[in-house]
Amino acid sequence: MKRAAWAQFCLAAIVLCGCVLLPRPGGAVLLVPLFTASNDGLEPAHIAVLRAGWLPGSLLVRVEGEVPVLAWLRHGILPLGAPAVLCSSRKRSSDHE
């Protein structure tokens, strides 16, 4: 019985992580380069760069329409869904100092 409960817990955790981390159409996306990648062959998309991401080499962008997750993964870029809090154009109070 413990084994079944542990398997159910792991499955629920995986599904919740997927729901949080998968980019949504029209939402903000954090693009994280996995290795030195080439942009050759990437289909052009309507992307608005919001700012540099909090991970080295990453970008916080907003994609108009469907997010090309598989194309980015094939080119070594990991797209992660970003919370709306990170997308505001306001500076934080700590940035004023």
N, C-alpha and C. Protein backbone atom coordinates (compact mmCIF):
# COMPACT_ATOMS: atom_id res chain seq x y z
N MET A 1 0.82 -1.19 0.00
CA MET A 1 0.00 0.00 0.00
C MET A 1 0.87 1.27 0.00
N LYS A 2 1.99 1.22 0.73
CA LYS A 2 2.87 2.37 0.77
C LYS A 2 3.47 2.66 -0.60
N ARG A 3 3.77 1.61 -1.34
CA ARG A 3 4.35 1.78 -2.67
C ARG A 3 3.37 2.48 -3.60
N ALA A 4 2.09 2.13 -3.54
CA ALA A 4 1.08 2.77 -4.38
C ALA A 4 0.89 4.24 -3.99
N ALA A 5 0.92 4.53 -2.71
CA ALA A 5 0.78 5.92 -2.26
C ALA A 5 1.98 6.75 -2.71
N TRP A 6 3.17 6.18 -2.64
CA TRP A 6 4.38 6.88 -3.06
C TRP A 6 4.34 7.14 -4.58
N ALA A 7 3.89 6.16 -5.36
CA ALA A 7 3.78 6.32 -6.81
C ALA A 7 2.75 7.40 -7.15
N GLN A 8 1.65 7.43 -6.43
CA GLN A 8 0.62 8.44 -6.68
C GLN A 8 1.14 9.83 -6.32
N PHE A 9 1.87 9.94 -5.24
CA PHE A 9 2.45 11.22 -4.84
C PHE A 9 3.43 11.72 -5.90
N CYS A 10 4.29 10.84 -6.39
CA CYS A 10 5.27 11.22 -7.42
C CYS A 10 4.58 11.66 -8.71
N LEU A 11 3.56 10.95 -9.11
CA LEU A 11 2.82 11.31 -10.31
C LEU A 11 2.15 12.67 -10.16
N ALA A 12 1.54 12.92 -9.01
CA ALA A 12 0.90 14.22 -8.76
C ALA A 12 1.94 15.34 -8.77
N ALA A 13 3.11 15.11 -8.19
CA ALA A 13 4.17 16.12 -8.17
C ALA A 13 4.65 16.44 -9.58
N ILE A 14 4.80 15.42 -10.42
CA ILE A 14 5.24 15.61 -11.80
C ILE A 14 4.21 16.42 -12.58
N VAL A 15 2.95 16.10 -12.41
CA VAL A 15 1.88 16.82 -13.12
C VAL A 15 1.81 18.28 -12.67
N LEU A 16 1.93 18.53 -11.37
CA LEU A 16 1.91 19.90 -10.88
C LEU A 16 3.10 20.71 -11.38
N CYS A 17 4.28 20.11 -11.38
CA CYS A 17 5.47 20.80 -11.91
C CYS A 17 5.29 21.11 -13.39
N GLY A 18 4.73 20.19 -14.14
CA GLY A 18 4.48 20.42 -15.55
C GLY A 18 3.49 21.56 -15.78
N CYS A 19 2.46 21.62 -14.96
CA CYS A 19 1.46 22.69 -15.09
C CYS A 19 2.07 24.06 -14.78
N VAL A 20 2.98 24.10 -13.84
CA VAL A 20 3.60 25.37 -13.46
C VAL A 20 4.66 25.78 -14.46
N LEU A 21 5.47 24.84 -14.94
CA LEU A 21 6.63 25.18 -15.75
C LEU A 21 6.36 25.28 -17.25
N LEU A 22 5.28 24.67 -17.74
CA LEU A 22 5.01 24.74 -19.18
C LEU A 22 4.52 26.13 -19.57
N PRO A 23 5.09 26.70 -20.64
CA PRO A 23 4.66 28.03 -21.07
C PRO A 23 3.25 28.01 -21.65
N ARG A 24 2.52 29.07 -21.38
CA ARG A 24 1.15 29.21 -21.87
C ARG A 24 1.11 30.20 -23.03
N PRO A 25 0.23 29.99 -24.01
CA PRO A 25 0.11 30.95 -25.12
C PRO A 25 -0.20 32.34 -24.59
N GLY A 26 0.56 33.33 -25.04
CA GLY A 26 0.35 34.71 -24.64
C GLY A 26 0.97 35.06 -23.30
N GLY A 27 1.51 34.07 -22.61
CA GLY A 27 2.13 34.33 -21.31
C GLY A 27 3.61 34.60 -21.44
N ALA A 28 4.23 34.92 -20.33
CA ALA A 28 5.66 35.17 -20.31
C ALA A 28 6.41 33.84 -20.32
N VAL A 29 7.55 33.84 -20.99
CA VAL A 29 8.37 32.64 -21.12
C VAL A 29 9.81 33.00 -20.80
N LEU A 30 10.43 32.18 -19.96
CA LEU A 30 11.84 32.33 -19.67
C LEU A 30 12.59 31.38 -20.59
N LEU A 31 13.45 31.93 -21.46
CA LEU A 31 14.23 31.12 -22.39
C LEU A 31 15.61 30.89 -21.80
N VAL A 32 15.91 29.63 -21.49
CA VAL A 32 17.19 29.27 -20.86
C VAL A 32 18.01 28.46 -21.86
N PRO A 33 19.19 28.97 -22.26
CA PRO A 33 20.04 28.19 -23.18
C PRO A 33 20.66 27.01 -22.44
N LEU A 34 20.50 25.82 -22.98
CA LEU A 34 21.05 24.61 -22.36
C LEU A 34 22.51 24.40 -22.72
N PHE A 35 22.90 24.84 -23.90
CA PHE A 35 24.28 24.78 -24.36
C PHE A 35 24.41 25.82 -25.45
N THR A 36 25.60 26.00 -26.00
CA THR A 36 25.78 26.97 -27.07
C THR A 36 24.92 26.54 -28.24
N ALA A 37 23.88 27.30 -28.48
CA ALA A 37 22.90 26.91 -29.49
C ALA A 37 22.93 27.87 -30.68
N SER A 38 22.51 27.37 -31.81
CA SER A 38 22.41 28.17 -33.01
C SER A 38 20.94 28.51 -33.24
N ASN A 39 20.70 29.73 -33.66
CA ASN A 39 19.32 30.14 -33.97
C ASN A 39 18.95 29.83 -35.41
N ASP A 40 19.87 29.26 -36.18
CA ASP A 40 19.58 28.92 -37.57
C ASP A 40 18.46 27.89 -37.62
N GLY A 41 17.49 28.13 -38.47
CA GLY A 41 16.41 27.17 -38.65
C GLY A 41 15.23 27.39 -37.73
N LEU A 42 15.34 28.31 -36.79
CA LEU A 42 14.19 28.60 -35.94
C LEU A 42 13.18 29.41 -36.73
N GLU A 43 11.93 29.00 -36.62
CA GLU A 43 10.88 29.74 -37.31
C GLU A 43 10.66 31.07 -36.60
N PRO A 44 10.49 32.15 -37.36
CA PRO A 44 10.26 33.43 -36.71
C PRO A 44 8.93 33.42 -35.96
N ALA A 45 8.93 33.98 -34.81
CA ALA A 45 7.71 34.08 -34.01
C ALA A 45 7.58 35.52 -33.54
N HIS A 46 6.41 35.88 -33.15
CA HIS A 46 6.19 37.22 -32.63
C HIS A 46 6.60 37.22 -31.17
N ILE A 47 7.83 37.68 -30.93
CA ILE A 47 8.40 37.66 -29.58
C ILE A 47 8.72 39.08 -29.14
N ALA A 48 8.31 39.42 -27.93
CA ALA A 48 8.67 40.69 -27.32
C ALA A 48 9.61 40.39 -26.15
N VAL A 49 10.83 40.90 -26.23
CA VAL A 49 11.79 40.69 -25.15
C VAL A 49 11.44 41.65 -24.02
N LEU A 50 11.20 41.11 -22.83
CA LEU A 50 10.86 41.93 -21.68
C LEU A 50 12.10 42.38 -20.93
N ARG A 51 13.04 41.49 -20.72
CA ARG A 51 14.30 41.80 -20.04
C ARG A 51 15.16 40.55 -19.97
N ALA A 52 16.37 40.74 -19.46
CA ALA A 52 17.25 39.59 -19.25
C ALA A 52 16.68 38.75 -18.11
N GLY A 53 16.83 37.46 -18.20
CA GLY A 53 16.32 36.57 -17.16
C GLY A 53 17.24 36.53 -15.96
N TRP A 54 16.79 35.87 -14.90
CA TRP A 54 17.58 35.79 -13.68
C TRP A 54 18.63 34.70 -13.74
N LEU A 55 18.57 33.83 -14.74
CA LEU A 55 19.61 32.82 -14.96
C LEU A 55 20.60 33.35 -15.99
N PRO A 56 21.89 33.03 -15.87
CA PRO A 56 22.88 33.54 -16.82
C PRO A 56 22.55 33.16 -18.26
N GLY A 57 22.50 34.15 -19.15
CA GLY A 57 22.23 33.93 -20.56
C GLY A 57 20.77 33.78 -20.92
N SER A 58 19.87 33.88 -19.95
CA SER A 58 18.45 33.68 -20.23
C SER A 58 17.75 35.00 -20.55
N LEU A 59 16.60 34.87 -21.19
CA LEU A 59 15.77 36.02 -21.54
C LEU A 59 14.34 35.79 -21.10
N LEU A 60 13.70 36.84 -20.62
CA LEU A 60 12.29 36.80 -20.30
C LEU A 60 11.56 37.43 -21.48
N VAL A 61 10.71 36.66 -22.15
CA VAL A 61 10.03 37.13 -23.35
C VAL A 61 8.52 36.87 -23.23
N ARG A 62 7.77 37.55 -24.08
CA ARG A 62 6.35 37.27 -24.23
C ARG A 62 6.14 36.88 -25.69
N VAL A 63 5.48 35.75 -25.90
CA VAL A 63 5.26 35.21 -27.24
C VAL A 63 3.80 35.41 -27.61
N GLU A 64 3.59 35.97 -28.79
CA GLU A 64 2.22 36.15 -29.28
C GLU A 64 1.79 34.86 -29.96
N GLY A 65 0.69 34.30 -29.50
CA GLY A 65 0.20 33.06 -30.07
C GLY A 65 0.81 31.84 -29.41
N GLU A 66 0.86 30.74 -30.15
CA GLU A 66 1.35 29.47 -29.62
C GLU A 66 2.86 29.51 -29.39
N VAL A 67 3.29 28.93 -28.30
CA VAL A 67 4.71 28.89 -27.95
C VAL A 67 5.36 27.69 -28.64
N PRO A 68 6.41 27.92 -29.46
CA PRO A 68 7.05 26.81 -30.19
C PRO A 68 8.02 26.02 -29.30
N VAL A 69 7.48 25.30 -28.33
CA VAL A 69 8.29 24.59 -27.33
C VAL A 69 9.22 23.57 -27.99
N LEU A 70 8.69 22.73 -28.85
CA LEU A 70 9.51 21.67 -29.45
C LEU A 70 10.62 22.23 -30.33
N ALA A 71 10.35 23.28 -31.09
CA ALA A 71 11.39 23.88 -31.93
C ALA A 71 12.50 24.45 -31.08
N TRP A 72 12.16 25.10 -29.98
CA TRP A 72 13.19 25.66 -29.09
C TRP A 72 13.98 24.55 -28.42
N LEU A 73 13.32 23.49 -28.00
CA LEU A 73 14.04 22.37 -27.38
C LEU A 73 15.02 21.73 -28.36
N ARG A 74 14.62 21.60 -29.63
CA ARG A 74 15.51 21.02 -30.64
C ARG A 74 16.76 21.87 -30.85
N HIS A 75 16.66 23.17 -30.58
CA HIS A 75 17.79 24.07 -30.77
C HIS A 75 18.53 24.37 -29.46
N GLY A 76 18.22 23.63 -28.41
CA GLY A 76 18.96 23.77 -27.17
C GLY A 76 18.50 24.90 -26.27
N ILE A 77 17.25 25.30 -26.40
CA ILE A 77 16.70 26.36 -25.57
C ILE A 77 15.54 25.78 -24.78
N LEU A 78 15.59 25.92 -23.46
CA LEU A 78 14.53 25.41 -22.59
C LEU A 78 13.55 26.53 -22.29
N PRO A 79 12.30 26.44 -22.78
CA PRO A 79 11.30 27.45 -22.47
C PRO A 79 10.53 27.07 -21.20
N LEU A 80 10.51 27.97 -20.24
CA LEU A 80 9.78 27.75 -18.99
C LEU A 80 8.74 28.84 -18.82
N GLY A 81 7.58 28.46 -18.32
CA GLY A 81 6.55 29.45 -18.02
C GLY A 81 7.02 30.33 -16.87
N ALA A 82 6.84 31.63 -17.01
CA ALA A 82 7.27 32.57 -15.98
C ALA A 82 6.04 33.18 -15.31
N PRO A 83 6.08 33.39 -14.00
CA PRO A 83 4.95 34.01 -13.32
C PRO A 83 4.74 35.45 -13.75
N ALA A 84 3.52 35.93 -13.70
CA ALA A 84 3.18 37.28 -14.13
C ALA A 84 3.90 38.34 -13.31
N VAL A 85 4.24 38.03 -12.08
CA VAL A 85 4.92 39.00 -11.21
C VAL A 85 6.24 39.44 -11.83
N LEU A 86 6.91 38.54 -12.53
CA LEU A 86 8.21 38.85 -13.12
C LEU A 86 8.10 39.69 -14.38
N CYS A 87 6.90 39.88 -14.89
CA CYS A 87 6.71 40.55 -16.17
C CYS A 87 6.33 42.01 -16.05
N SER A 88 6.15 42.51 -14.85
CA SER A 88 5.75 43.90 -14.71
C SER A 88 6.90 44.80 -15.10
N SER A 89 6.59 45.96 -15.64
CA SER A 89 7.63 46.89 -16.07
C SER A 89 8.07 47.80 -14.92
N ARG A 90 7.37 47.74 -13.80
CA ARG A 90 7.74 48.56 -12.65
C ARG A 90 9.03 48.06 -12.04
N LYS A 91 9.81 48.98 -11.53
CA LYS A 91 11.01 48.58 -10.81
C LYS A 91 10.63 48.27 -9.38
N ARG A 92 11.33 47.29 -8.81
CA ARG A 92 11.08 46.97 -7.42
C ARG A 92 11.69 48.05 -6.55
N SER A 93 11.22 48.15 -5.32
CA SER A 93 11.70 49.17 -4.40
C SER A 93 13.19 49.01 -4.13
N SER A 94 13.71 47.78 -4.20
CA SER A 94 15.13 47.56 -3.96
C SER A 94 15.97 48.06 -5.13
N ASP A 95 15.37 48.25 -6.31
CA ASP A 95 16.10 48.73 -7.47
C ASP A 95 16.35 50.23 -7.43
N HIS A 96 15.60 50.97 -6.62
CA HIS A 96 15.74 52.41 -6.55
C HIS A 96 16.97 52.85 -5.77
N GLU A 97 17.50 51.96 -4.95
CA GLU A 97 18.62 52.34 -4.11
C GLU A 97 19.93 52.23 -4.84
